């Protein structure tokens, strides 16, 4: 498998075998709760977010109720997710913007989403793909690391990784594939001490440097 297209085909086939089903890792019930959960997941594990959101959404699970909560109360609940002052302020402010500008609905376009406080391109991409079904390829640290490790991108930055991924993989695979890569990274190819007897994709198609790092 010398070309990137051949490697990409191998990745898709391997991950489809491993993960035919791709449940969304963040617990939510609608676009708003997904938006909040993804915002909270910045520099925090999905598992940790899923322990916090039941308490937050018991307090308020829609922008109208959330906008009525003191920022300090929100911050107290979400503290385990880290960066709580910034995230709490963003949750409060974006909830008010959704009410004032979008009648309490989460907008279905990148420009509007990325204009919300605390919402970057990756968060917007997750919401567009997982809440609304638009083709998107959100790039998180797992995906950036693995596509670099597999020689499918230069690894210069997440923006380049996203462009490379979209050029290599068919659009109809993006929404499922980005989750499959995340699952693979967590289970088979961790950032530290990836194992030769487990990380079979890196062993098969990884860069020389990545294969050397397998222990």
Protein backbone atom coordinates (compact mmCIF):
# COMPACT_ATOMS: atom_id res chain seq x y z
CA UNK A 1 0.00 0.00 0.00
CA UNK A 2 2.18 2.75 -1.30
CA UNK A 3 -0.36 5.45 -2.12
CA UNK A 4 -2.51 7.47 0.24
CA UNK A 5 -5.65 6.32 -1.60
CA UNK A 6 -4.69 2.66 -1.04
CA UNK A 7 -4.03 3.38 2.63
CA UNK A 8 -7.36 5.20 2.95
CA UNK A 9 -9.20 2.22 1.44
CA UNK A 10 -7.49 -0.10 3.93
CA UNK A 11 -8.47 2.16 6.84
CA UNK A 12 -12.13 2.32 5.80
CA UNK A 13 -12.39 -1.45 5.35
CA UNK A 14 -10.58 -2.24 8.62
CA UNK A 15 -12.61 0.19 10.69
CA UNK A 16 -15.90 -0.90 9.16
CA UNK A 17 -15.09 -4.44 10.29
CA UNK A 18 -14.15 -3.30 13.79
CA UNK A 19 -16.90 -0.73 14.29
CA UNK A 20 -19.95 -1.41 12.10
CA UNK A 21 -22.00 0.64 14.55
CA UNK A 22 -20.89 4.08 15.75
CA UNK A 23 -22.95 5.35 18.67
CA UNK A 24 -22.30 9.01 19.42
CA UNK A 25 -19.96 9.09 22.44
CA UNK A 26 -21.55 12.13 24.09
CA UNK A 27 -24.94 11.59 25.73
CA UNK A 28 -27.56 14.04 24.48
CA UNK A 29 -31.18 14.22 23.44
CA UNK A 30 -31.28 17.05 20.89
CA UNK A 31 -29.04 19.55 19.05
CA UNK A 32 -28.86 21.91 22.03
CA UNK A 33 -27.72 19.29 24.54
CA UNK A 34 -25.24 17.94 21.99
CA UNK A 35 -23.85 21.45 21.44
CA UNK A 36 -23.36 21.91 25.18
CA UNK A 37 -21.80 18.46 25.59
CA UNK A 38 -19.33 19.03 22.75
CA UNK A 39 -18.41 22.44 24.16
CA UNK A 40 -17.71 20.79 27.53
CA UNK A 41 -15.56 18.10 25.89
CA UNK A 42 -12.79 20.56 24.99
CA UNK A 43 -9.68 19.33 26.82
CA UNK A 44 -11.86 16.81 28.65
CA UNK A 45 -12.78 13.18 28.02
CA UNK A 46 -16.19 12.22 26.72
CA UNK A 47 -16.58 9.87 29.68
CA UNK A 48 -16.08 12.74 32.12
CA UNK A 49 -18.54 14.93 30.21
CA UNK A 50 -21.14 12.17 30.39
CA UNK A 51 -20.87 12.14 34.19
CA UNK A 52 -21.41 15.91 34.36
CA UNK A 53 -24.16 16.57 31.82
CA UNK A 54 -26.92 14.66 33.69
CA UNK A 55 -26.52 17.13 36.56
CA UNK A 56 -26.32 20.13 34.24
CA UNK A 57 -29.30 19.08 32.14
CA UNK A 58 -31.34 18.33 35.25
CA UNK A 59 -30.86 22.01 36.04
CA UNK A 60 -31.50 23.19 32.48
CA UNK A 61 -31.67 21.25 29.23
CA UNK A 62 -32.77 24.03 26.89
CA UNK A 63 -31.56 27.58 26.21
CA UNK A 64 -34.57 29.22 27.85
CA UNK A 65 -33.96 27.55 31.21
CA UNK A 66 -30.16 27.76 30.92
CA UNK A 67 -30.27 31.51 30.30
CA UNK A 68 -32.02 31.94 33.63
CA UNK A 69 -29.27 30.20 35.62
CA UNK A 70 -26.52 32.13 37.38
CA UNK A 71 -23.20 31.57 35.64
CA UNK A 72 -21.75 30.61 39.02
CA UNK A 73 -24.25 27.74 39.33
CA UNK A 74 -23.37 26.44 35.87
CA UNK A 75 -19.68 26.70 36.66
CA UNK A 76 -20.10 24.78 39.90
CA UNK A 77 -21.69 21.84 38.07
CA UNK A 78 -19.27 21.70 35.15
CA UNK A 79 -16.08 22.22 37.18
CA UNK A 80 -14.94 18.56 36.70
CA UNK A 81 -14.70 19.22 32.94
CA UNK A 82 -12.00 21.84 33.38
CA UNK A 83 -11.88 25.42 32.10
CA UNK A 84 -15.16 25.91 33.97
CA UNK A 85 -15.18 29.74 34.17
CA UNK A 86 -14.77 30.11 30.42
CA UNK A 87 -17.13 27.25 29.54
CA UNK A 88 -19.84 28.41 31.97
CA UNK A 89 -19.76 31.94 30.56
CA UNK A 90 -19.96 30.55 27.02
CA UNK A 91 -22.91 28.29 27.86
CA UNK A 92 -24.80 31.14 29.45
CA UNK A 93 -24.10 33.63 26.68
CA UNK A 94 -24.74 31.28 23.76
CA UNK A 95 -28.05 30.24 25.32
CA UNK A 96 -29.14 33.88 25.37
CA UNK A 97 -27.98 34.35 21.76
CA UNK A 98 -29.97 31.29 20.66
CA UNK A 99 -33.08 32.80 22.25
CA UNK A 100 -32.56 36.31 20.92
CA UNK A 101 -31.42 35.40 17.42
CA UNK A 102 -32.69 31.90 16.62
CA UNK A 103 -35.91 31.53 18.64
CA UNK A 104 -34.15 29.07 20.92
CA UNK A 105 -33.09 26.75 18.10
CA UNK A 106 -29.54 25.67 17.28
CA UNK A 107 -28.70 27.06 13.81
CA UNK A 108 -27.92 24.62 11.02
CA UNK A 109 -24.94 26.32 9.44
CA UNK A 110 -21.26 26.66 10.20
CA UNK A 111 -21.06 30.44 10.15
CA UNK A 112 -23.79 30.87 12.74
CA UNK A 113 -22.48 28.07 14.95
CA UNK A 114 -18.89 29.27 14.89
CA UNK A 115 -20.05 32.78 15.83
CA UNK A 116 -21.36 31.44 19.15
CA UNK A 117 -19.03 31.81 22.15
CA UNK A 118 -17.06 28.68 22.95
CA UNK A 119 -17.89 27.08 19.59
CA UNK A 120 -14.98 26.50 17.23
CA UNK A 121 -14.90 24.74 13.88
CA UNK A 122 -14.51 21.27 15.37
CA UNK A 123 -17.51 21.73 17.69
CA UNK A 124 -19.57 23.13 14.82
CA UNK A 125 -18.58 20.18 12.63
CA UNK A 126 -19.67 17.67 15.27
CA UNK A 127 -23.06 19.38 15.64
CA UNK A 128 -23.54 19.66 11.88
CA UNK A 129 -22.75 15.98 11.36
CA UNK A 130 -24.23 14.32 14.44
CA UNK A 131 -27.23 16.55 15.11
CA UNK A 132 -28.20 17.54 11.59
CA UNK A 133 -26.72 14.85 9.34
CA UNK A 134 -24.58 17.13 7.18
CA UNK A 135 -21.40 15.58 5.83
CA UNK A 136 -18.53 16.76 8.04
CA UNK A 137 -15.17 15.47 9.19
CA UNK A 138 -14.52 16.89 12.67
CA UNK A 139 -10.84 16.53 13.54
CA UNK A 140 -9.99 16.00 17.21
CA UNK A 141 -6.66 15.07 18.74
CA UNK A 142 -7.20 11.33 18.08
CA UNK A 143 -7.90 11.86 14.38
CA UNK A 144 -5.09 14.38 13.92
CA UNK A 145 -2.64 12.01 15.62
CA UNK A 146 -3.71 8.88 13.76
CA UNK A 147 -3.89 10.34 10.26
CA UNK A 148 -0.41 11.76 10.87
CA UNK A 149 0.77 8.41 12.23
CA UNK A 150 -0.63 6.65 9.16
CA UNK A 151 1.01 9.06 6.74
CA UNK A 152 -2.29 10.41 5.43
CA UNK A 153 -1.55 14.01 6.36
CA UNK A 154 1.50 16.12 7.08
CA UNK A 155 0.30 16.71 10.61
CA UNK A 156 1.09 20.43 10.42
CA UNK A 157 -2.25 21.43 11.96
CA UNK A 158 -5.83 20.23 12.34
CA UNK A 159 -7.02 22.41 9.46
CA UNK A 160 -4.65 20.67 7.06
CA UNK A 161 -5.61 17.29 8.49
CA UNK A 162 -9.29 18.03 7.83
CA UNK A 163 -8.57 19.06 4.24
CA UNK A 164 -6.48 15.95 3.65
CA UNK A 165 -9.11 13.66 5.18
CA UNK A 166 -11.86 15.14 3.03
CA UNK A 167 -9.78 14.68 -0.10
CA UNK A 168 -8.91 11.05 0.69
CA UNK A 169 -12.18 9.65 2.00
CA UNK A 170 -15.54 9.58 0.20
CA UNK A 171 -17.95 12.17 1.55
CA UNK A 172 -20.57 9.55 2.38
CA UNK A 173 -18.13 7.96 4.86
CA UNK A 174 -17.15 11.10 6.79
CA UNK A 175 -19.78 11.16 9.55
CA UNK A 176 -19.24 7.53 10.50
CA UNK A 177 -15.52 7.33 9.77
CA UNK A 178 -14.46 10.15 12.06
CA UNK A 179 -16.10 8.30 14.96
CA UNK A 180 -14.53 5.00 13.91
CA UNK A 181 -11.07 6.59 13.92
CA UNK A 182 -11.70 8.03 17.39
CA UNK A 183 -12.79 4.62 18.68
CA UNK A 184 -9.72 2.97 17.14
CA UNK A 185 -7.39 5.51 18.67
CA UNK A 186 -8.80 4.95 22.13
CA UNK A 187 -8.79 1.17 21.92
CA UNK A 188 -5.87 0.24 19.67
CA UNK A 189 -3.56 3.20 19.15
CA UNK A 190 -3.11 5.39 22.24
CA UNK A 191 -0.87 8.43 22.15
CA UNK A 192 1.60 6.82 24.54
CA UNK A 193 3.23 3.43 24.03
CA UNK A 194 1.15 2.05 21.15
CA UNK A 195 1.59 -1.73 21.03
CA UNK A 196 2.89 -3.57 17.97
CA UNK A 197 0.64 -6.56 18.65
CA UNK A 198 -2.47 -4.39 18.89
CA UNK A 199 -2.14 -1.35 16.62
CA UNK A 200 -2.42 -3.32 13.40
CA UNK A 201 -3.32 -0.36 11.17
CA UNK A 202 -0.18 1.56 12.10
CA UNK A 203 1.85 -1.62 11.68
CA UNK A 204 0.41 -2.09 8.18
CA UNK A 205 0.40 1.44 6.78
CA UNK A 206 2.08 3.73 9.30
CA UNK A 207 5.04 5.95 8.56
CA UNK A 208 8.49 4.56 9.30
CA UNK A 209 8.66 6.79 12.36
CA UNK A 210 5.26 5.60 13.61
CA UNK A 211 6.11 1.93 13.11
CA UNK A 212 9.37 2.45 14.98
CA UNK A 213 7.44 3.89 17.92
CA UNK A 214 5.39 0.70 18.30
CA UNK A 215 6.58 -1.26 21.30
